[in-house]
Amino acid sequence: MSPNRNFFHIHLVSDSTGETLLTVSRAAAARYENIHAIEHVYPLVRSAVQMERVIRDIEGAPGIVLYTLVDDGLVDALETACQGFSLPCRNVLDPIHNVFQAYLNLPLTAKIGGQHALDADYFRRIEALNYTMMHDDGQLPEDLETADVILVGISRTSKTPTSMYLANRGIKTVNVPIVPTLTFPDRIKQAVGPLIVALTASPDRILHIRRNRLMTLNASNEDNPYVDRRAIAEEIAYTKRLCAETGWPVIDVTRRSIEETAAEVLSLKNQRDAARLEAQLEG
């Protein structure tokens, strides 16, 4: 790669959706500052004709080539072409497969898109997504005790996107806004089944997001308590008092991505579930 360039091409070739390649490549690229990866994604590559097109594209924009392919013929064609172009070409799952084989001492199964099978886990995630959408932003049907997690927080603390991310992991999630001028629902305070977690952020962070939100709605920022920093600070203080009263854990999302916030919620849930199981066994 030329030292004067601040970008590089990366080709992601998959016989399935390509999600694994995207996740791995972006995690790796994030470790390099001031450089941009131009992604070329090729999902559902399952024929020689499709592979020929991929190889032509790689020749036209040389770069790193990563793949997850099951068919040996397609693998050979891709690796041979990359060798001719003097380009790195790697199956990102090979190191993981080697570990599994060494430990399990079992052969691999040539199964395309095996992780996307319509199994019980898949339908559990679909059910969680439907449940979470039905309980978005304070919609409170009478089945709150069937939730796995309830997220509470003032406006613009990423409750909805975090809920949807958790739902995609199979976690039934309810999100409820905290509005200091309104009485917080007793049904939430009295819930014993779900893990209840409060999300908060710094006043400046929330102020910035709310101002942008009003701009997208073409609404005025003048004399609007929604974007008054003092009012926002009072909302945050109210959240902290409510959590101190109820004992709910608080996650500050100011510098967290949605993925990091969800990971912290899952960690809290695992700790709570383990403690409950231990108490049951001791009892």
Protein backbone atom coordinates (compact mmCIF):
# COMPACT_ATOMS: atom_id res chain seq x y z
CA MET A 1 0.00 0.00 0.00
CA SER A 2 1.32 3.46 -0.87
CA PRO A 3 2.29 5.47 2.23
CA ASN A 4 0.58 8.54 0.70
CA ARG A 5 -2.86 6.92 0.60
CA ASN A 6 -5.28 7.13 3.50
CA PHE A 7 -7.57 4.39 2.20
CA PHE A 8 -7.40 0.80 1.04
CA HIS A 9 -9.71 -1.66 -0.67
CA ILE A 10 -11.00 -4.74 1.12
CA HIS A 11 -12.96 -7.46 -0.67
CA LEU A 12 -15.31 -9.62 1.41
CA VAL A 13 -16.45 -12.77 -0.39
CA SER A 14 -19.10 -15.01 1.16
CA ASP A 15 -21.43 -17.80 0.10
CA SER A 16 -23.85 -16.57 2.78
CA THR A 17 -24.84 -13.08 3.99
CA GLY A 18 -21.32 -11.75 4.60
CA GLU A 19 -22.19 -10.53 8.10
CA THR A 20 -19.29 -12.42 9.68
CA LEU A 21 -16.80 -10.89 7.28
CA LEU A 22 -18.14 -7.38 7.85
CA THR A 23 -17.89 -7.72 11.61
CA VAL A 24 -14.37 -9.14 11.57
CA SER A 25 -13.00 -6.73 8.97
CA ARG A 26 -14.46 -3.66 10.66
CA ALA A 27 -13.11 -4.75 14.05
CA ALA A 28 -9.65 -5.09 12.51
CA ALA A 29 -9.82 -1.84 10.52
CA ALA A 30 -10.87 0.07 13.63
CA ARG A 31 -7.39 -0.55 15.08
CA TYR A 32 -5.83 1.70 12.42
CA GLU A 33 -6.28 5.45 12.75
CA ASN A 34 -6.58 7.91 9.89
CA ILE A 35 -7.16 5.22 7.29
CA HIS A 36 -10.40 4.30 5.56
CA ALA A 37 -11.42 0.86 4.34
CA ILE A 38 -13.37 0.84 1.07
CA GLU A 39 -15.54 -2.26 1.41
CA HIS A 40 -16.49 -4.43 -1.54
CA VAL A 41 -19.00 -7.00 -0.28
CA TYR A 42 -19.97 -10.06 -2.32
CA PRO A 43 -22.68 -12.11 -0.58
CA LEU A 44 -24.21 -15.37 -1.81
CA VAL A 45 -21.29 -16.26 -4.12
CA ARG A 46 -22.09 -19.86 -5.03
CA SER A 47 -21.21 -20.31 -8.69
CA ALA A 48 -18.18 -20.07 -10.97
CA VAL A 49 -19.81 -17.24 -12.92
CA GLN A 50 -20.29 -15.20 -9.77
CA MET A 51 -16.69 -15.87 -8.74
CA GLU A 52 -15.41 -14.66 -12.12
CA ARG A 53 -17.14 -11.33 -11.54
CA VAL A 54 -15.63 -11.10 -8.05
CA ILE A 55 -12.14 -11.77 -9.41
CA ARG A 56 -12.55 -9.08 -12.08
CA ASP A 57 -13.55 -6.59 -9.40
CA ILE A 58 -10.57 -7.52 -7.24
CA GLU A 59 -8.22 -7.05 -10.20
CA GLY A 60 -9.73 -3.61 -10.83
CA ALA A 61 -9.36 -2.48 -7.20
CA PRO A 62 -6.51 -4.46 -5.61
CA GLY A 63 -6.59 -4.87 -1.85
CA ILE A 64 -7.06 -7.32 1.01
CA VAL A 65 -9.31 -10.28 0.23
CA LEU A 66 -11.18 -12.07 3.02
CA TYR A 67 -13.63 -14.89 2.48
CA THR A 68 -15.93 -17.45 4.06
CA LEU A 69 -16.56 -20.07 1.38
CA VAL A 70 -17.39 -23.76 1.68
CA ASP A 71 -17.02 -24.90 -1.95
CA ASP A 72 -13.41 -26.02 -2.58
CA GLY A 73 -13.62 -25.12 -6.28
CA LEU A 74 -14.58 -21.52 -5.52
CA VAL A 75 -11.87 -21.29 -2.87
CA ASP A 76 -9.22 -22.55 -5.29
CA ALA A 77 -10.33 -20.09 -7.98
CA LEU A 78 -10.22 -17.14 -5.58
CA GLU A 79 -6.89 -18.03 -3.97
CA THR A 80 -5.23 -18.76 -7.32
CA ALA A 81 -6.37 -15.42 -8.72
CA CYS A 82 -5.17 -13.52 -5.64
CA GLN A 83 -1.82 -15.29 -5.79
CA GLY A 84 -1.50 -14.12 -9.39
CA PHE A 85 -2.35 -10.55 -8.32
CA SER A 86 0.10 -10.79 -5.36
CA LEU A 87 -2.72 -9.97 -2.96
CA PRO A 88 -3.35 -11.37 0.55
CA CYS A 89 -6.29 -13.79 0.61
CA ARG A 90 -7.52 -15.43 3.83
CA ASN A 91 -10.43 -17.48 5.11
CA VAL A 92 -11.25 -15.63 8.34
CA LEU A 93 -12.74 -18.73 9.97
CA ASP A 94 -9.76 -21.05 9.42
CA PRO A 95 -8.03 -20.23 12.76
CA ILE A 96 -11.30 -20.81 14.63
CA HIS A 97 -12.02 -24.03 12.75
CA ASN A 98 -8.52 -25.28 13.61
CA VAL A 99 -9.13 -24.70 17.31
CA PHE A 100 -12.49 -26.51 17.17
CA GLN A 101 -11.05 -29.45 15.25
CA ALA A 102 -8.10 -29.81 17.60
CA TYR A 103 -10.39 -29.85 20.62
CA LEU A 104 -13.37 -31.80 19.26
CA ASN A 105 -11.41 -34.13 16.96
CA LEU A 106 -14.33 -34.09 14.52
CA PRO A 107 -14.47 -33.24 10.80
CA LEU A 108 -16.03 -30.05 9.49
CA THR A 109 -19.42 -30.17 7.80
CA ALA A 110 -19.63 -28.37 4.46
CA LYS A 111 -22.80 -26.41 5.26
CA ILE A 112 -23.39 -23.01 3.67
CA GLY A 113 -24.91 -20.39 6.00
CA GLY A 114 -25.25 -22.86 8.85
CA GLN A 115 -25.48 -20.07 11.43
CA HIS A 116 -28.58 -18.71 9.70
CA ALA A 117 -30.64 -21.88 10.00
CA LEU A 118 -34.36 -21.52 10.82
CA ASP A 119 -33.93 -23.19 14.18
CA ALA A 120 -35.40 -22.54 17.62
CA ASP A 121 -32.88 -19.78 18.30
CA TYR A 122 -33.88 -17.97 15.11
CA PHE A 123 -37.56 -17.98 16.01
CA ARG A 124 -36.72 -16.91 19.56
CA ARG A 125 -35.02 -13.81 18.13
CA ILE A 126 -37.98 -13.06 15.86
CA GLU A 127 -40.33 -13.37 18.84
CA ALA A 128 -38.09 -11.04 20.86
CA LEU A 129 -38.08 -8.47 18.06
CA ASN A 130 -41.88 -8.52 17.79
CA TYR A 131 -42.24 -8.25 21.57
CA THR A 132 -39.76 -5.36 21.78
CA MET A 133 -41.47 -3.35 19.03
CA MET A 134 -44.83 -3.82 20.78
CA HIS A 135 -43.32 -2.42 23.99
CA ASP A 136 -41.38 0.49 22.52
CA ASP A 137 -41.38 3.93 24.15
CA GLY A 138 -43.69 3.30 27.06
CA GLN A 139 -46.27 1.04 25.44
CA LEU A 140 -47.23 -1.06 28.44
CA PRO A 141 -49.47 -4.06 27.76
CA GLU A 142 -50.24 -6.27 30.74
CA ASP A 143 -47.39 -8.71 30.14
CA LEU A 144 -44.39 -6.83 31.54
CA GLU A 145 -43.36 -9.77 33.72
CA THR A 146 -42.61 -11.74 30.56
CA ALA A 147 -39.89 -9.26 29.60
CA ASP A 148 -36.24 -10.18 30.06
CA VAL A 149 -35.06 -6.57 30.38
CA ILE A 150 -36.72 -3.19 30.96
CA LEU A 151 -34.72 -0.12 29.98
CA VAL A 152 -35.67 3.23 31.49
CA GLY A 153 -34.25 6.68 30.87
CA ILE A 154 -34.99 10.22 29.79
CA SER A 155 -35.39 11.13 26.13
CA ARG A 156 -32.38 10.57 23.83
CA THR A 157 -30.51 8.05 25.97
CA SER A 158 -30.55 5.39 23.21
CA LYS A 159 -33.28 3.26 24.77
CA THR A 160 -34.94 2.20 21.51
CA PRO A 161 -31.81 1.26 19.51
CA THR A 162 -30.39 -0.58 22.51
CA SER A 163 -33.69 -2.42 22.93
CA MET A 164 -33.68 -3.47 19.28
CA TYR A 165 -30.08 -4.65 19.50
CA LEU A 166 -30.91 -6.75 22.56
CA ALA A 167 -33.99 -8.12 20.81
CA ASN A 168 -31.80 -9.25 17.93
CA ARG A 169 -29.90 -11.26 20.53
CA GLY A 170 -33.16 -12.91 21.63
CA ILE A 171 -33.76 -10.67 24.67
CA LYS A 172 -37.35 -9.48 25.11
CA THR A 173 -36.92 -5.82 25.97
CA VAL A 174 -39.28 -3.07 27.12
CA ASN A 175 -38.19 0.58 27.10
CA VAL A 176 -39.92 3.24 29.17
CA PRO A 177 -39.24 7.00 29.15
CA ILE A 178 -38.58 8.83 32.40
CA VAL A 179 -40.41 12.17 32.44
CA PRO A 180 -40.01 14.03 35.77
CA THR A 181 -43.32 15.88 35.29
CA LEU A 182 -45.21 12.57 35.01
CA THR A 183 -45.66 9.88 37.65
CA PHE A 184 -43.44 6.92 36.86
CA PRO A 185 -45.57 3.75 36.35
CA ASP A 186 -45.91 1.65 39.49
CA ARG A 187 -46.11 -1.43 37.28
CA ILE A 188 -42.46 -0.93 36.39
CA LYS A 189 -41.36 -0.34 39.97
CA GLN A 190 -43.18 -3.47 41.11
CA ALA A 191 -41.90 -5.75 38.33
CA VAL A 192 -39.82 -8.61 39.76
CA GLY A 193 -39.12 -10.82 36.75
CA PRO A 194 -37.27 -8.53 34.35
CA LEU A 195 -33.92 -6.88 34.94
CA ILE A 196 -34.52 -3.12 35.08
CA VAL A 197 -31.65 -0.88 33.97
CA ALA A 198 -31.53 2.90 33.67
CA LEU A 199 -29.66 4.60 30.85
CA THR A 200 -28.27 8.08 31.32
CA ALA A 201 -25.78 10.45 29.71
CA SER A 202 -24.11 13.78 30.30
CA PRO A 203 -26.24 16.92 29.94
CA ASP A 204 -24.07 18.15 27.05
CA ARG A 205 -24.45 14.89 25.17
CA ILE A 206 -28.22 14.83 25.54
CA LEU A 207 -28.46 18.53 24.66
CA HIS A 208 -26.51 17.95 21.44
CA ILE A 209 -28.68 14.99 20.38
CA ARG A 210 -31.94 16.78 21.20
CA ARG A 211 -30.95 19.88 19.25
CA ASN A 212 -30.18 17.72 16.22
CA ARG A 213 -33.49 15.96 16.69
CA LEU A 214 -35.41 19.25 16.63
CA MET A 215 -33.50 20.36 13.55
CA THR A 216 -34.60 17.26 11.66
CA LEU A 217 -38.19 18.06 12.65
CA ASN A 218 -37.80 21.72 11.64
CA ALA A 219 -38.80 22.72 15.17
CA SER A 220 -37.56 25.79 16.98
CA ASN A 221 -34.95 25.55 19.72
CA GLU A 222 -35.92 28.85 21.29
CA ASP A 223 -37.51 28.74 24.76
CA ASN A 224 -37.94 24.98 24.47
CA PRO A 225 -37.36 23.16 27.78
CA TYR A 226 -36.55 20.04 25.77
CA VAL A 227 -33.20 21.63 24.89
CA ASP A 228 -32.65 23.67 28.03
CA ARG A 229 -29.45 22.47 29.68
CA ARG A 230 -30.67 23.20 33.21
CA ALA A 231 -33.89 21.28 32.61
CA ILE A 232 -31.90 18.37 31.18
CA ALA A 233 -29.64 18.33 34.25
CA GLU A 234 -32.77 18.18 36.44
CA GLU A 235 -34.07 15.23 34.39
CA ILE A 236 -30.79 13.40 34.93
CA ALA A 237 -30.85 14.17 38.66
CA TYR A 238 -34.41 12.82 38.85
CA THR A 239 -33.29 9.61 37.12
CA LYS A 240 -30.50 9.15 39.66
CA ARG A 241 -32.88 9.70 42.58
CA LEU A 242 -35.35 7.19 41.12
CA CYS A 243 -32.60 4.59 40.71
CA ALA A 244 -31.29 5.21 44.22
CA GLU A 245 -34.82 4.61 45.50
CA THR A 246 -35.38 1.42 43.50
CA GLY A 247 -31.85 0.04 43.46
CA TRP A 248 -31.76 -0.16 39.66
CA PRO A 249 -28.32 -0.19 38.04
CA VAL A 250 -27.39 2.82 35.91
CA ILE A 251 -25.35 2.79 32.69
CA ASP A 252 -23.85 6.03 31.43
CA VAL A 253 -24.06 5.87 27.62
CA THR A 254 -22.23 9.15 26.95
CA ARG A 255 -19.19 7.49 25.39
CA ARG A 256 -20.63 4.05 24.71
CA SER A 257 -21.77 2.60 21.42
CA ILE A 258 -25.09 0.75 21.28
CA GLU A 259 -23.16 -2.53 21.18
CA GLU A 260 -21.18 -1.63 24.30
CA THR A 261 -24.30 -0.58 26.19
CA ALA A 262 -26.07 -3.82 25.22
CA ALA A 263 -23.04 -5.84 26.29
CA GLU A 264 -23.13 -4.18 29.72
CA VAL A 265 -26.87 -4.89 30.03
CA LEU A 266 -26.29 -8.55 29.15
CA SER A 267 -23.48 -8.76 31.70
CA LEU A 268 -25.78 -7.36 34.40
CA LYS A 269 -28.50 -9.82 33.37
CA ASN A 270 -26.11 -12.76 33.52
CA GLN A 271 -24.95 -11.70 36.99
CA ARG A 272 -28.54 -11.31 38.20
CA ASP A 273 -29.61 -14.67 36.73
CA ALA A 274 -26.60 -16.43 38.26
CA ALA A 275 -27.32 -14.92 41.67
CA ARG A 276 -30.97 -15.99 41.49
CA LEU A 277 -30.01 -19.52 40.48
CA GLU A 278 -27.52 -19.76 43.32
CA ALA A 279 -30.17 -18.55 45.78
CA GLN A 280 -32.62 -21.19 44.50
CA LEU A 281 -30.04 -23.95 44.87
CA GLU A 282 -29.17 -22.84 48.40
CA GLY A 283 -32.86 -22.66 49.27
